[in-house]
């Protein structure tokens, strides 16, 4: 999972080239004040099934948004694709909203995935500077960028449409959905809350690899 480059929604130039009968007119600048909003495309790529999912947020890129995107994926797609699975492996970068350091990331994983959905979640973070080895970069995001290259993203629905239309010769399929919830930045997690989390650091690189298991409520749910 990872956040794709945030995009301004409106009449702005989009990098790349496309064939057309007439030039596409866009603004000569990209001032955020002239945008209809800023879209935050959050991608989830299923390595085994070669299927991608993109959840576009209209708010901030926060740990709560990242975990909610994963929860939506499990409820919409993952749970049906793997009905017997009670464990989930997440490959993510070491920084950003799903980084290895934000407390809110771990707290939301505990609450939204482990306790609410009854999943044991193992997270493996790529070390700083190694995110280019994350499969989502070259198996999902690169193809999405090629698909909408040169096309202005004038509305969020346009972005979703291009996302859903992304395919490859190897059989990649992509779904795209909008998350309209508003997520506040700057939220903190108290030390007392962190002590209640069921986090088990791995023996190898424990700062980057750990497993979060369901608490009592999550165990009863399973």
Protein backbone atom coordinates (compact mmCIF):
# COMPACT_ATOMS: atom_id res chain seq x y z
CA UNK A 1 0.00 0.00 0.00
CA UNK A 2 1.13 3.55 -0.66
CA UNK A 3 -0.07 7.07 -1.42
CA UNK A 4 0.23 8.06 -5.05
CA UNK A 5 1.19 11.62 -5.92
CA UNK A 6 -1.49 14.05 -4.79
CA UNK A 7 -3.26 15.75 -7.69
CA UNK A 8 -4.92 19.15 -8.04
CA UNK A 9 -8.41 18.82 -9.47
CA UNK A 10 -9.24 21.39 -12.17
CA UNK A 11 -8.04 22.74 -15.50
CA UNK A 12 -4.37 22.03 -14.94
CA UNK A 13 -1.68 20.51 -17.15
CA UNK A 14 -1.04 16.84 -16.55
CA UNK A 15 2.40 15.54 -17.42
CA UNK A 16 2.71 13.30 -20.47
CA UNK A 17 1.53 13.21 -24.07
CA UNK A 18 -1.67 12.08 -25.73
CA UNK A 19 -3.04 11.97 -29.26
CA UNK A 20 -5.92 14.38 -29.94
CA UNK A 21 -7.37 16.40 -32.82
CA UNK A 22 -7.14 19.70 -30.95
CA UNK A 23 -4.85 20.90 -28.18
CA UNK A 24 -6.36 20.60 -24.72
CA UNK A 25 -6.72 24.03 -23.15
CA UNK A 26 -5.63 24.29 -19.51
CA UNK A 27 -4.46 27.00 -17.14
CA UNK A 28 -0.91 28.22 -17.63
CA UNK A 29 -0.35 27.95 -13.87
CA UNK A 30 -1.19 25.47 -11.15
CA UNK A 31 -2.16 27.69 -8.23
CA UNK A 32 -3.94 25.61 -5.55
CA UNK A 33 -6.36 28.50 -5.02
CA UNK A 34 -7.80 27.88 -8.50
CA UNK A 35 -8.32 24.16 -7.91
CA UNK A 36 -11.62 22.54 -7.10
CA UNK A 37 -9.74 20.52 -4.51
CA UNK A 38 -6.77 18.24 -4.00
CA UNK A 39 -7.25 14.51 -4.47
CA UNK A 40 -5.28 12.00 -2.41
CA UNK A 41 -5.15 8.66 -4.30
CA UNK A 42 -4.29 5.83 -1.93
CA UNK A 43 -3.38 2.58 -3.65
CA UNK A 44 -3.55 -1.03 -2.52
CA UNK A 45 -2.02 -3.71 -4.72
CA UNK A 46 -2.73 -7.43 -4.28
CA UNK A 47 0.52 -9.13 -5.29
CA UNK A 48 -0.98 -12.62 -5.60
CA UNK A 49 -4.04 -11.70 -7.70
CA UNK A 50 -2.45 -8.83 -9.69
CA UNK A 51 -5.36 -6.56 -8.78
CA UNK A 52 -5.18 -2.95 -7.67
CA UNK A 53 -7.57 -0.74 -5.74
CA UNK A 54 -7.43 3.03 -5.41
CA UNK A 55 -9.29 4.98 -2.74
CA UNK A 56 -9.34 8.70 -3.46
CA UNK A 57 -9.66 11.01 -0.49
CA UNK A 58 -10.68 14.66 -0.63
CA UNK A 59 -9.15 15.45 2.74
CA UNK A 60 -5.70 15.09 4.30
CA UNK A 61 -3.34 12.13 3.91
CA UNK A 62 -3.32 10.95 7.51
CA UNK A 63 -2.75 7.56 9.21
CA UNK A 64 -6.48 7.35 9.88
CA UNK A 65 -7.19 7.77 6.15
CA UNK A 66 -4.57 5.17 5.20
CA UNK A 67 -6.00 2.55 7.57
CA UNK A 68 -9.57 3.33 6.55
CA UNK A 69 -8.60 2.74 2.91
CA UNK A 70 -7.24 -0.67 3.88
CA UNK A 71 -10.38 -1.42 5.90
CA UNK A 72 -12.56 -0.50 2.91
CA UNK A 73 -10.41 -2.74 0.69
CA UNK A 74 -10.85 -5.69 3.03
CA UNK A 75 -14.61 -5.19 3.28
CA UNK A 76 -15.06 -4.56 -0.47
CA UNK A 77 -12.53 -6.95 -2.01
CA UNK A 78 -10.06 -8.69 0.28
CA UNK A 79 -12.52 -10.49 2.55
CA UNK A 80 -14.29 -12.04 -0.44
CA UNK A 81 -11.05 -12.95 -2.23
CA UNK A 82 -9.59 -14.59 0.88
CA UNK A 83 -12.58 -15.72 2.98
CA UNK A 84 -10.51 -18.01 5.23
CA UNK A 85 -7.72 -15.52 5.91
CA UNK A 86 -7.29 -14.17 9.42
CA UNK A 87 -3.82 -12.72 8.85
CA UNK A 88 -2.82 -9.83 6.62
CA UNK A 89 0.65 -8.81 5.41
CA UNK A 90 1.14 -5.15 4.52
CA UNK A 91 4.19 -3.86 2.64
CA UNK A 92 4.57 -0.11 3.12
CA UNK A 93 7.16 2.65 3.00
CA UNK A 94 8.86 3.73 6.22
CA UNK A 95 7.56 7.30 6.02
CA UNK A 96 4.38 9.21 5.37
CA UNK A 97 0.94 8.48 6.74
CA UNK A 98 1.72 4.74 7.01
CA UNK A 99 5.28 5.15 8.28
CA UNK A 100 6.92 3.10 10.97
CA UNK A 101 7.02 5.98 13.48
CA UNK A 102 3.51 7.57 13.62
CA UNK A 103 1.68 6.32 16.68
CA UNK A 104 -1.70 6.96 15.09
CA UNK A 105 -0.88 4.46 12.31
CA UNK A 106 -0.44 1.62 14.80
CA UNK A 107 -3.40 2.72 16.90
CA UNK A 108 -5.70 2.81 13.89
CA UNK A 109 -4.47 -0.59 12.70
CA UNK A 110 -5.34 -1.99 16.11
CA UNK A 111 -8.78 -0.41 16.14
CA UNK A 112 -9.95 -0.65 12.52
CA UNK A 113 -8.31 -3.85 11.24
CA UNK A 114 -7.44 -5.98 14.24
CA UNK A 115 -10.22 -5.31 16.73
CA UNK A 116 -13.06 -4.45 14.34
CA UNK A 117 -12.31 -6.97 11.59
CA UNK A 118 -10.56 -9.61 13.70
CA UNK A 119 -7.36 -9.67 11.64
CA UNK A 120 -3.77 -10.17 12.74
CA UNK A 121 -1.78 -7.61 10.75
CA UNK A 122 1.93 -7.95 10.01
CA UNK A 123 3.56 -4.79 8.66
CA UNK A 124 6.90 -4.77 6.85
CA UNK A 125 8.27 -1.29 6.13
CA UNK A 126 10.78 -0.65 3.37
CA UNK A 127 13.82 1.19 4.78
CA UNK A 128 14.18 4.86 3.93
CA UNK A 129 15.27 5.27 0.32
CA UNK A 130 14.13 1.78 -0.71
CA UNK A 131 10.51 2.48 -1.61
CA UNK A 132 11.26 1.94 -5.31
CA UNK A 133 11.28 -1.79 -4.55
CA UNK A 134 7.68 -1.63 -3.36
CA UNK A 135 5.71 -3.62 -6.01
CA UNK A 136 2.91 -1.06 -6.03
CA UNK A 137 5.17 1.55 -7.62
CA UNK A 138 5.88 -0.33 -10.85
CA UNK A 139 2.90 -2.69 -10.99
CA UNK A 140 0.08 -0.21 -10.31
CA UNK A 141 1.03 3.45 -10.02
CA UNK A 142 3.22 3.54 -13.12
CA UNK A 143 0.41 2.15 -15.28
CA UNK A 144 -2.12 4.61 -13.84
CA UNK A 145 0.19 7.52 -14.63
CA UNK A 146 0.57 6.31 -18.21
CA UNK A 147 -3.19 5.87 -18.57
CA UNK A 148 -4.07 9.46 -17.68
CA UNK A 149 -0.89 11.04 -19.08
CA UNK A 150 -1.62 14.35 -20.80
CA UNK A 151 -5.25 14.40 -19.64
CA UNK A 152 -6.40 17.15 -17.25
CA UNK A 153 -8.02 15.76 -14.13
CA UNK A 154 -10.90 18.25 -14.14
CA UNK A 155 -13.07 16.34 -11.66
CA UNK A 156 -12.62 13.62 -9.08
CA UNK A 157 -14.88 11.40 -11.16
CA UNK A 158 -12.45 11.84 -14.07
CA UNK A 159 -9.64 10.56 -11.87
CA UNK A 160 -11.75 7.62 -10.72
CA UNK A 161 -12.68 6.80 -14.31
CA UNK A 162 -9.06 6.74 -15.44
CA UNK A 163 -8.17 4.62 -12.44
CA UNK A 164 -10.86 2.05 -13.24
CA UNK A 165 -9.80 1.99 -16.88
CA UNK A 166 -6.18 1.10 -16.12
CA UNK A 167 -5.29 -2.32 -17.57
CA UNK A 168 -2.18 -4.07 -18.82
CA UNK A 169 -1.36 -6.93 -21.18
CA UNK A 170 -0.54 -9.08 -18.13
CA UNK A 171 -4.10 -8.77 -16.82
CA UNK A 172 -3.98 -5.94 -14.28
CA UNK A 173 -7.42 -4.83 -13.09
CA UNK A 174 -8.09 -1.75 -10.98
CA UNK A 175 -11.05 -0.54 -8.95
CA UNK A 176 -11.41 3.06 -7.76
CA UNK A 177 -13.64 4.56 -5.09
CA UNK A 178 -14.07 7.90 -3.33
CA UNK A 179 -13.72 8.37 0.44
CA UNK A 180 -15.57 11.55 1.38
CA UNK A 181 -14.75 11.54 5.11
CA UNK A 182 -12.75 14.44 6.52
CA UNK A 183 -9.53 13.56 8.36
CA UNK A 184 -7.86 16.02 10.72
CA UNK A 185 -4.11 16.40 10.88
CA UNK A 186 -2.04 16.71 14.04
CA UNK A 187 -3.86 14.09 16.11
CA UNK A 188 -1.78 12.52 18.88
CA UNK A 189 -1.95 9.19 20.68
CA UNK A 190 -1.31 9.16 24.42
CA UNK A 191 1.25 6.89 26.06
CA UNK A 192 -1.54 5.09 27.93
CA UNK A 193 -3.20 4.17 24.64
CA UNK A 194 0.06 2.91 23.16
CA UNK A 195 0.50 0.54 26.11
CA UNK A 196 -2.82 -1.13 25.28
CA UNK A 197 -1.84 -1.97 21.68
CA UNK A 198 -1.09 -5.63 20.94
CA UNK A 199 2.12 -4.91 19.02
CA UNK A 200 4.73 -7.68 18.70
CA UNK A 201 8.05 -6.44 17.24
CA UNK A 202 9.83 -8.89 14.97
CA UNK A 203 13.27 -10.23 15.85
CA UNK A 204 14.73 -8.85 12.60
CA UNK A 205 14.62 -5.05 12.31
CA UNK A 206 11.84 -4.62 14.89
CA UNK A 207 11.46 -0.92 14.11
CA UNK A 208 10.35 -1.84 10.57
CA UNK A 209 8.70 -5.23 11.09
CA UNK A 210 5.97 -5.96 13.62
CA UNK A 211 2.65 -7.75 14.06
CA UNK A 212 -0.48 -6.32 15.66
CA UNK A 213 -2.99 -8.86 16.93
CA UNK A 214 -6.66 -8.47 17.86
CA UNK A 215 -7.40 -7.45 21.43
CA UNK A 216 -10.13 -9.07 23.49
CA UNK A 217 -12.94 -7.58 21.41
CA UNK A 218 -11.26 -8.58 18.16
CA UNK A 219 -10.64 -12.12 19.42
CA UNK A 220 -14.32 -12.51 20.31
CA UNK A 221 -15.28 -11.23 16.84
CA UNK A 222 -13.36 -14.04 15.16
